[in-house]
Amino acid sequence: MSIDQIVLLMRGGIFHVFMLASPVLAAALIIGLVVAIFQATTSIQEQTLTFLPKMLVMLAVLALLGGWMFQTLAEYTRNLLHMIPQMAQ
């Protein structure tokens, strides 16, 4: 196994982590921004106000995209497992 192949495996793993985490993180970021704007306009400075909307939106995104996330991760894992005999040579 060469260094180039290891770099490609690491790059693929990092790409998949970003691809799978970005929808959930983007949803949390957007809802946090919306709640922050709401708090700024209404002068409500409650720190715990953002927690429940973020959790609900993150759970909704996971419910909607969870199947796709699992399928993508399973495919990547299958590809890695099929590469093991090649790596052993």
PDB file of N, CA and C in Angstrom:
ATOM      1  N   MET A   1       0.858  -1.170   0.000  1.00  0.00           N
ATOM      2  CA  MET A   1       0.000   0.000   0.000  1.00  0.00           C
ATOM      3  C   MET A   1       0.900   1.229   0.000  1.00  0.00           C
ATOM      4  N   SER A   2       0.672   2.100  -0.964  1.00  0.00           N
ATOM      5  CA  SER A   2       1.533   3.272  -1.082  1.00  0.00           C
ATOM      6  C   SER A   2       0.953   4.458  -0.310  1.00  0.00           C
ATOM      7  N   ILE A   3       1.763   5.451  -0.179  1.00  0.00           N
ATOM      8  CA  ILE A   3       1.352   6.677   0.514  1.00  0.00           C
ATOM      9  C   ILE A   3       0.209   7.357  -0.240  1.00  0.00           C
ATOM     10  N   ASP A   4       0.241   7.306  -1.554  1.00  0.00           N
ATOM     11  CA  ASP A   4      -0.827   7.919  -2.351  1.00  0.00           C
ATOM     12  C   ASP A   4      -2.178   7.276  -2.071  1.00  0.00           C
ATOM     13  N   GLN A   5      -2.186   5.968  -1.941  1.00  0.00           N
ATOM     14  CA  GLN A   5      -3.444   5.277  -1.642  1.00  0.00           C
ATOM     15  C   GLN A   5      -3.949   5.619  -0.250  1.00  0.00           C
ATOM     16  N   ILE A   6      -3.043   5.742   0.703  1.00  0.00           N
ATOM     17  CA  ILE A   6      -3.437   6.119   2.064  1.00  0.00           C
ATOM     18  C   ILE A   6      -4.009   7.522   2.075  1.00  0.00           C
ATOM     19  N   VAL A   7      -3.375   8.415   1.337  1.00  0.00           N
ATOM     20  CA  VAL A   7      -3.877   9.795   1.256  1.00  0.00           C
ATOM     21  C   VAL A   7      -5.265   9.817   0.618  1.00  0.00           C
ATOM     22  N   LEU A   8      -5.471   9.027  -0.421  1.00  0.00           N
ATOM     23  CA  LEU A   8      -6.791   8.967  -1.055  1.00  0.00           C
ATOM     24  C   LEU A   8      -7.850   8.410  -0.106  1.00  0.00           C
ATOM     25  N   LEU A   9      -7.497   7.395   0.678  1.00  0.00           N
ATOM     26  CA  LEU A   9      -8.432   6.843   1.660  1.00  0.00           C
ATOM     27  C   LEU A   9      -8.781   7.883   2.723  1.00  0.00           C
ATOM     28  N   MET A  10      -7.788   8.581   3.211  1.00  0.00           N
ATOM     29  CA  MET A  10      -8.031   9.613   4.228  1.00  0.00           C
ATOM     30  C   MET A  10      -8.874  10.757   3.658  1.00  0.00           C
ATOM     31  N   ARG A  11      -8.574  11.160   2.442  1.00  0.00           N
ATOM     32  CA  ARG A  11      -9.332  12.228   1.793  1.00  0.00           C
ATOM     33  C   ARG A  11     -10.789  11.812   1.598  1.00  0.00           C
ATOM     34  N   GLY A  12     -11.000  10.568   1.185  1.00  0.00           N
ATOM     35  CA  GLY A  12     -12.364  10.069   1.020  1.00  0.00           C
ATOM     36  C   GLY A  12     -13.114  10.013   2.334  1.00  0.00           C
ATOM     37  N   GLY A  13     -12.437   9.596   3.395  1.00  0.00           N
ATOM     38  CA  GLY A  13     -13.072   9.549   4.707  1.00  0.00           C
ATOM     39  C   GLY A  13     -13.453  10.925   5.211  1.00  0.00           C
ATOM     40  N   ILE A  14     -12.556  11.883   5.061  1.00  0.00           N
ATOM     41  CA  ILE A  14     -12.840  13.259   5.491  1.00  0.00           C
ATOM     42  C   ILE A  14     -13.968  13.849   4.656  1.00  0.00           C
ATOM     43  N   PHE A  15     -13.964  13.578   3.358  1.00  0.00           N
ATOM     44  CA  PHE A  15     -15.040  14.068   2.499  1.00  0.00           C
ATOM     45  C   PHE A  15     -16.386  13.518   2.937  1.00  0.00           C
ATOM     46  N   HIS A  16     -16.433  12.231   3.249  1.00  0.00           N
ATOM     47  CA  HIS A  16     -17.694  11.623   3.673  1.00  0.00           C
ATOM     48  C   HIS A  16     -18.162  12.178   5.019  1.00  0.00           C
ATOM     49  N   VAL A  17     -17.240  12.430   5.924  1.00  0.00           N
ATOM     50  CA  VAL A  17     -17.615  13.037   7.207  1.00  0.00           C
ATOM     51  C   VAL A  17     -18.237  14.407   6.973  1.00  0.00           C
ATOM     52  N   PHE A  18     -17.613  15.225   6.145  1.00  0.00           N
ATOM     53  CA  PHE A  18     -18.164  16.553   5.851  1.00  0.00           C
ATOM     54  C   PHE A  18     -19.501  16.446   5.134  1.00  0.00           C
ATOM     55  N   MET A  19     -19.607  15.531   4.201  1.00  0.00           N
ATOM     56  CA  MET A  19     -20.841  15.395   3.435  1.00  0.00           C
ATOM     57  C   MET A  19     -21.998  14.933   4.325  1.00  0.00           C
ATOM     58  N   LEU A  20     -21.725  14.053   5.280  1.00  0.00           N
ATOM     59  CA  LEU A  20     -22.783  13.538   6.139  1.00  0.00           C
ATOM     60  C   LEU A  20     -23.132  14.514   7.270  1.00  0.00           C
ATOM     61  N   ALA A  21     -22.173  15.278   7.743  1.00  0.00           N
ATOM     62  CA  ALA A  21     -22.433  16.186   8.858  1.00  0.00           C
ATOM     63  C   ALA A  21     -22.960  17.543   8.411  1.00  0.00           C
ATOM     64  N   SER A  22     -22.686  17.943   7.186  1.00  0.00           N
ATOM     65  CA  SER A  22     -23.041  19.299   6.756  1.00  0.00           C
ATOM     66  C   SER A  22     -24.539  19.599   6.749  1.00  0.00           C
ATOM     67  N   PRO A  23     -25.438  18.690   6.358  1.00  0.00           N
ATOM     68  CA  PRO A  23     -26.861  19.056   6.404  1.00  0.00           C
ATOM     69  C   PRO A  23     -27.364  19.349   7.819  1.00  0.00           C
ATOM     70  N   VAL A  24     -26.923  18.544   8.772  1.00  0.00           N
ATOM     71  CA  VAL A  24     -27.360  18.744  10.157  1.00  0.00           C
ATOM     72  C   VAL A  24     -26.768  20.033  10.716  1.00  0.00           C
ATOM     73  N   LEU A  25     -25.497  20.257  10.461  1.00  0.00           N
ATOM     74  CA  LEU A  25     -24.853  21.469  10.961  1.00  0.00           C
ATOM     75  C   LEU A  25     -25.400  22.723  10.298  1.00  0.00           C
ATOM     76  N   ALA A  26     -25.693  22.637   9.003  1.00  0.00           N
ATOM     77  CA  ALA A  26     -26.256  23.794   8.302  1.00  0.00           C
ATOM     78  C   ALA A  26     -27.641  24.128   8.833  1.00  0.00           C
ATOM     79  N   ALA A  27     -28.443  23.123   9.101  1.00  0.00           N
ATOM     80  CA  ALA A  27     -29.779  23.370   9.656  1.00  0.00           C
ATOM     81  C   ALA A  27     -29.679  24.013  11.034  1.00  0.00           C
ATOM     82  N   ALA A  28     -28.759  23.527  11.868  1.00  0.00           N
ATOM     83  CA  ALA A  28     -28.573  24.111  13.201  1.00  0.00           C
ATOM     84  C   ALA A  28     -28.077  25.545  13.101  1.00  0.00           C
ATOM     85  N   LEU A  29     -27.194  25.810  12.152  1.00  0.00           N
ATOM     86  CA  LEU A  29     -26.686  27.161  11.958  1.00  0.00           C
ATOM     87  C   LEU A  29     -27.791  28.113  11.523  1.00  0.00           C
ATOM     88  N   ILE A  30     -28.606  27.678  10.580  1.00  0.00           N
ATOM     89  CA  ILE A  30     -29.684  28.543  10.070  1.00  0.00           C
ATOM     90  C   ILE A  30     -30.711  28.816  11.157  1.00  0.00           C
ATOM     91  N   ILE A  31     -31.138  27.791  11.885  1.00  0.00           N
ATOM     92  CA  ILE A  31     -32.140  28.017  12.924  1.00  0.00           C
ATOM     93  C   ILE A  31     -31.554  28.844  14.063  1.00  0.00           C
ATOM     94  N   GLY A  32     -30.282  28.676  14.365  1.00  0.00           N
ATOM     95  CA  GLY A  32     -29.628  29.520  15.376  1.00  0.00           C
ATOM     96  C   GLY A  32     -29.596  30.969  14.958  1.00  0.00           C
ATOM     97  N   LEU A  33     -29.333  31.211  13.674  1.00  0.00           N
ATOM     98  CA  LEU A  33     -29.320  32.584  13.170  1.00  0.00           C
ATOM     99  C   LEU A  33     -30.707  33.206  13.219  1.00  0.00           C
ATOM    100  N   VAL A  34     -31.723  32.431  12.848  1.00  0.00           N
ATOM    101  CA  VAL A  34     -33.105  32.932  12.883  1.00  0.00           C
ATOM    102  C   VAL A  34     -33.517  33.268  14.315  1.00  0.00           C
ATOM    103  N   VAL A  35     -33.195  32.392  15.255  1.00  0.00           N
ATOM    104  CA  VAL A  35     -33.549  32.648  16.651  1.00  0.00           C
ATOM    105  C   VAL A  35     -32.766  33.831  17.195  1.00  0.00           C
ATOM    106  N   ALA A  36     -31.505  33.972  16.809  1.00  0.00           N
ATOM    107  CA  ALA A  36     -30.702  35.109  17.265  1.00  0.00           C
ATOM    108  C   ALA A  36     -31.274  36.425  16.738  1.00  0.00           C
ATOM    109  N   ILE A  37     -31.713  36.436  15.487  1.00  0.00           N
ATOM    110  CA  ILE A  37     -32.332  37.648  14.934  1.00  0.00           C
ATOM    111  C   ILE A  37     -33.630  37.942  15.662  1.00  0.00           C
ATOM    112  N   PHE A  38     -34.420  36.909  15.950  1.00  0.00           N
ATOM    113  CA  PHE A  38     -35.651  37.083  16.708  1.00  0.00           C
ATOM    114  C   PHE A  38     -35.362  37.649  18.096  1.00  0.00           C
ATOM    115  N   GLN A  39     -34.341  37.122  18.762  1.00  0.00           N
ATOM    116  CA  GLN A  39     -33.987  37.616  20.083  1.00  0.00           C
ATOM    117  C   GLN A  39     -33.515  39.065  20.031  1.00  0.00           C
ATOM    118  N   ALA A  40     -32.782  39.418  18.993  1.00  0.00           N
ATOM    119  CA  ALA A  40     -32.283  40.791  18.881  1.00  0.00           C
ATOM    120  C   ALA A  40     -33.416  41.768  18.619  1.00  0.00           C
ATOM    121  N   THR A  41     -34.394  41.372  17.838  1.00  0.00           N
ATOM    122  CA  THR A  41     -35.483  42.297  17.518  1.00  0.00           C
ATOM    123  C   THR A  41     -36.487  42.423  18.663  1.00  0.00           C
ATOM    124  N   THR A  42     -36.633  41.387  19.478  1.00  0.00           N
ATOM    125  CA  THR A  42     -37.610  41.442  20.572  1.00  0.00           C
ATOM    126  C   THR A  42     -36.968  41.718  21.924  1.00  0.00           C
ATOM    127  N   SER A  43     -35.662  41.855  21.972  1.00  0.00           N
ATOM    128  CA  SER A  43     -34.908  42.100  23.210  1.00  0.00           C
ATOM    129  C   SER A  43     -35.097  40.992  24.236  1.00  0.00           C
ATOM    130  N   ILE A  44     -35.385  39.785  23.792  1.00  0.00           N
ATOM    131  CA  ILE A  44     -35.436  38.631  24.675  1.00  0.00           C
ATOM    132  C   ILE A  44     -34.033  38.034  24.701  1.00  0.00           C
ATOM    133  N   GLN A  45     -33.421  38.005  25.856  1.00  0.00           N
ATOM    134  CA  GLN A  45     -32.045  37.523  25.957  1.00  0.00           C
ATOM    135  C   GLN A  45     -31.961  36.228  26.758  1.00  0.00           C
ATOM    136  N   GLU A  46     -32.836  35.310  26.475  1.00  0.00           N
ATOM    137  CA  GLU A  46     -32.843  34.010  27.145  1.00  0.00           C
ATOM    138  C   GLU A  46     -31.860  33.086  26.419  1.00  0.00           C
ATOM    139  N   GLN A  47     -30.880  32.559  27.146  1.00  0.00           N
ATOM    140  CA  GLN A  47     -29.836  31.735  26.534  1.00  0.00           C
ATOM    141  C   GLN A  47     -30.351  30.368  26.106  1.00  0.00           C
ATOM    142  N   THR A  48     -31.355  29.862  26.796  1.00  0.00           N
ATOM    143  CA  THR A  48     -31.837  28.520  26.494  1.00  0.00           C
ATOM    144  C   THR A  48     -32.890  28.501  25.392  1.00  0.00           C
ATOM    145  N   LEU A  49     -33.262  29.654  24.870  1.00  0.00           N
ATOM    146  CA  LEU A  49     -34.306  29.724  23.844  1.00  0.00           C
ATOM    147  C   LEU A  49     -33.889  29.040  22.549  1.00  0.00           C
ATOM    148  N   THR A  50     -32.619  29.026  22.238  1.00  0.00           N
ATOM    149  CA  THR A  50     -32.169  28.436  20.975  1.00  0.00           C
ATOM    150  C   THR A  50     -32.064  26.913  21.047  1.00  0.00           C
ATOM    151  N   PHE A  51     -32.029  26.349  22.243  1.00  0.00           N
ATOM    152  CA  PHE A  51     -31.778  24.912  22.376  1.00  0.00           C
ATOM    153  C   PHE A  51     -32.884  24.059  21.765  1.00  0.00           C
ATOM    154  N   LEU A  52     -34.114  24.292  22.151  1.00  0.00           N
ATOM    155  CA  LEU A  52     -35.217  23.444  21.675  1.00  0.00           C
ATOM    156  C   LEU A  52     -35.432  23.545  20.163  1.00  0.00           C
ATOM    157  N   PRO A  53     -35.480  24.756  19.574  1.00  0.00           N
ATOM    158  CA  PRO A  53     -35.646  24.796  18.105  1.00  0.00           C
ATOM    159  C   PRO A  53     -34.505  24.102  17.355  1.00  0.00           C
ATOM    160  N   LYS A  54     -33.273  24.275  17.842  1.00  0.00           N
ATOM    161  CA  LYS A  54     -32.149  23.606  17.180  1.00  0.00           C
ATOM    162  C   LYS A  54     -32.282  22.093  17.265  1.00  0.00           C
ATOM    163  N   MET A  55     -32.641  21.599  18.437  1.00  0.00           N
ATOM    164  CA  MET A  55     -32.783  20.149  18.589  1.00  0.00           C
ATOM    165  C   MET A  55     -33.892  19.599  17.700  1.00  0.00           C
ATOM    166  N   LEU A  56     -35.017  20.299  17.639  1.00  0.00           N
ATOM    167  CA  LEU A  56     -36.126  19.834  16.812  1.00  0.00           C
ATOM    168  C   LEU A  56     -35.754  19.827  15.329  1.00  0.00           C
ATOM    169  N   VAL A  57     -35.092  20.883  14.878  1.00  0.00           N
ATOM    170  CA  VAL A  57     -34.696  20.957  13.470  1.00  0.00           C
ATOM    171  C   VAL A  57     -33.642  19.904  13.151  1.00  0.00           C
ATOM    172  N   MET A  58     -32.696  19.700  14.054  1.00  0.00           N
ATOM    173  CA  MET A  58     -31.672  18.683  13.811  1.00  0.00           C
ATOM    174  C   MET A  58     -32.288  17.285  13.767  1.00  0.00           C
ATOM    175  N   LEU A  59     -33.238  17.000  14.645  1.00  0.00           N
ATOM    176  CA  LEU A  59     -33.920  15.708  14.606  1.00  0.00           C
ATOM    177  C   LEU A  59     -34.732  15.542  13.326  1.00  0.00           C
ATOM    178  N   ALA A  60     -35.358  16.634  12.873  1.00  0.00           N
ATOM    179  CA  ALA A  60     -36.131  16.571  11.626  1.00  0.00           C
ATOM    180  C   ALA A  60     -35.211  16.298  10.435  1.00  0.00           C
ATOM    181  N   VAL A  61     -34.059  16.957  10.398  1.00  0.00           N
ATOM    182  CA  VAL A  61     -33.107  16.728   9.301  1.00  0.00           C
ATOM    183  C   VAL A  61     -32.597  15.288   9.345  1.00  0.00           C
ATOM    184  N   LEU A  62     -32.299  14.797  10.545  1.00  0.00           N
ATOM    185  CA  LEU A  62     -31.858  13.405  10.655  1.00  0.00           C
ATOM    186  C   LEU A  62     -32.957  12.430  10.236  1.00  0.00           C
ATOM    187  N   ALA A  63     -34.208  12.759  10.567  1.00  0.00           N
ATOM    188  CA  ALA A  63     -35.310  11.886  10.162  1.00  0.00           C
ATOM    189  C   ALA A  63     -35.481  11.890   8.645  1.00  0.00           C
ATOM    190  N   LEU A  64     -35.304  13.049   8.023  1.00  0.00           N
ATOM    191  CA  LEU A  64     -35.475  13.151   6.575  1.00  0.00           C
ATOM    192  C   LEU A  64     -34.298  12.558   5.803  1.00  0.00           C
ATOM    193  N   LEU A  65     -33.092  12.808   6.277  1.00  0.00           N
ATOM    194  CA  LEU A  65     -31.907  12.406   5.523  1.00  0.00           C
ATOM    195  C   LEU A  65     -31.175  11.209   6.120  1.00  0.00           C
ATOM    196  N   GLY A  66     -31.714  10.639   7.196  1.00  0.00           N
ATOM    197  CA  GLY A  66     -31.034   9.527   7.857  1.00  0.00           C
ATOM    198  C   GLY A  66     -30.829   8.322   6.957  1.00  0.00           C
ATOM    199  N   GLY A  67     -31.820   8.000   6.139  1.00  0.00           N
ATOM    200  CA  GLY A  67     -31.683   6.868   5.218  1.00  0.00           C
ATOM    201  C   GLY A  67     -30.577   7.082   4.207  1.00  0.00           C
ATOM    202  N   TRP A  68     -30.524   8.281   3.650  1.00  0.00           N
ATOM    203  CA  TRP A  68     -29.468   8.612   2.690  1.00  0.00           C
ATOM    204  C   TRP A  68     -28.102   8.587   3.366  1.00  0.00           C
ATOM    205  N   MET A  69     -28.036   9.128   4.593  1.00  0.00           N
ATOM    206  CA  MET A  69     -26.763   9.130   5.322  1.00  0.00           C
ATOM    207  C   MET A  69     -26.280   7.711   5.588  1.00  0.00           C
ATOM    208  N   PHE A  70     -27.191   6.848   6.040  1.00  0.00           N
ATOM    209  CA  PHE A  70     -26.817   5.467   6.325  1.00  0.00           C
ATOM    210  C   PHE A  70     -26.403   4.741   5.052  1.00  0.00           C
ATOM    211  N   GLN A  71     -27.123   4.954   3.971  1.00  0.00           N
ATOM    212  CA  GLN A  71     -26.791   4.296   2.702  1.00  0.00           C
ATOM    213  C   GLN A  71     -25.417   4.735   2.212  1.00  0.00           C
ATOM    214  N   THR A  72     -25.120   6.019   2.303  1.00  0.00           N
ATOM    215  CA  THR A  72     -23.822   6.542   1.873  1.00  0.00           C
ATOM    216  C   THR A  72     -22.700   5.966   2.717  1.00  0.00           C
ATOM    217  N   LEU A  73     -22.907   5.937   4.023  1.00  0.00           N
ATOM    218  CA  LEU A  73     -21.881   5.408   4.916  1.00  0.00           C
ATOM    219  C   LEU A  73     -21.695   3.903   4.721  1.00  0.00           C
ATOM    220  N   ALA A  74     -22.777   3.176   4.493  1.00  0.00           N
ATOM    221  CA  ALA A  74     -22.679   1.735   4.254  1.00  0.00           C
ATOM    222  C   ALA A  74     -21.937   1.452   2.950  1.00  0.00           C
ATOM    223  N   GLU A  75     -22.209   2.230   1.925  1.00  0.00           N
ATOM    224  CA  GLU A  75     -21.510   2.052   0.641  1.00  0.00           C
ATOM    225  C   GLU A  75     -20.018   2.325   0.782  1.00  0.00           C
ATOM    226  N   TYR A  76     -19.683   3.385   1.511  1.00  0.00           N
ATOM    227  CA  TYR A  76     -18.274   3.712   1.732  1.00  0.00           C
ATOM    228  C   TYR A  76     -17.588   2.591   2.520  1.00  0.00           C
ATOM    229  N   THR A  77     -18.263   2.059   3.531  1.00  0.00           N
ATOM    230  CA  THR A  77     -17.699   0.976   4.333  1.00  0.00           C
ATOM    231  C   THR A  77     -17.518  -0.281   3.495  1.00  0.00           C
ATOM    232  N   ARG A  78     -18.509  -0.596   2.646  1.00  0.00           N
ATOM    233  CA  ARG A  78     -18.371  -1.757   1.753  1.00  0.00           C
ATOM    234  C   ARG A  78     -17.164  -1.600   0.832  1.00  0.00           C
ATOM    235  N   ASN A  79     -16.987  -0.402   0.294  1.00  0.00           N
ATOM    236  CA  ASN A  79     -15.834  -0.160  -0.580  1.00  0.00           C
ATOM    237  C   ASN A  79     -14.522  -0.358   0.174  1.00  0.00           C
ATOM    238  N   LEU A  80     -14.481   0.106   1.418  1.00  0.00           N
ATOM    239  CA  LEU A  80     -13.266  -0.080   2.213  1.00  0.00           C
ATOM    240  C   LEU A  80     -13.011  -1.563   2.484  1.00  0.00           C
ATOM    241  N   LEU A  81     -14.065  -2.305   2.805  1.00  0.00           N
ATOM    242  CA  LEU A  81     -13.891  -3.721   3.087  1.00  0.00           C
ATOM    243  C   LEU A  81     -13.472  -4.496   1.846  1.00  0.00           C
ATOM    244  N   HIS A  82     -13.929  -4.086   0.667  1.00  0.00           N
ATOM    245  CA  HIS A  82     -13.514  -4.743  -0.566  1.00  0.00           C
ATOM    246  C   HIS A  82     -12.062  -4.417  -0.920  1.00  0.00           C
ATOM    247  N   MET A  83     -11.546  -3.336  -0.393  1.00  0.00           N
ATOM    248  CA  MET A  83     -10.170  -2.952  -0.674  1.00  0.00           C
ATOM    249  C   MET A  83      -9.168  -3.643   0.235  1.00  0.00           C
ATOM    250  N   ILE A  84      -9.606  -4.325   1.282  1.00  0.00           N
ATOM    251  CA  ILE A  84      -8.684  -4.947   2.236  1.00  0.00           C
ATOM    252  C   ILE A  84      -7.759  -5.968   1.571  1.00  0.00           C
ATOM    253  N   PRO A  85      -8.264  -6.865   0.714  1.00  0.00           N
ATOM    254  CA  PRO A  85      -7.326  -7.804   0.070  1.00  0.00           C
ATOM    255  C   PRO A  85      -6.259  -7.097  -0.771  1.00  0.00           C
ATOM    256  N   GLN A  86      -6.615  -6.007  -1.417  1.00  0.00           N
ATOM    257  CA  GLN A  86      -5.626  -5.266  -2.207  1.00  0.00           C
ATOM    258  C   GLN A  86      -4.580  -4.622  -1.310  1.00  0.00           C
ATOM    259  N   MET A  87      -5.009  -4.156  -0.138  1.00  0.00           N
ATOM    260  CA  MET A  87      -4.077  -3.504   0.780  1.00  0.00           C
ATOM    261  C   MET A  87      -3.098  -4.502   1.378  1.00  0.00           C
ATOM    262  N   ALA A  88      -3.524  -5.748   1.527  1.00  0.00           N
ATOM    263  CA  ALA A  88      -2.674  -6.760   2.146  1.00  0.00           C
ATOM    264  C   ALA A  88      -1.525  -7.215   1.231  1.00  0.00           C
ATOM    265  N   GLN A  89      -1.642  -6.986  -0.056  1.00  0.00           N
ATOM    266  CA  GLN A  89      -0.614  -7.437  -1.002  1.00  0.00           C
ATOM    267  C   GLN A  89       0.606  -6.569  -0.967  1.00  0.00           C
TER     268      GLN A  89
END
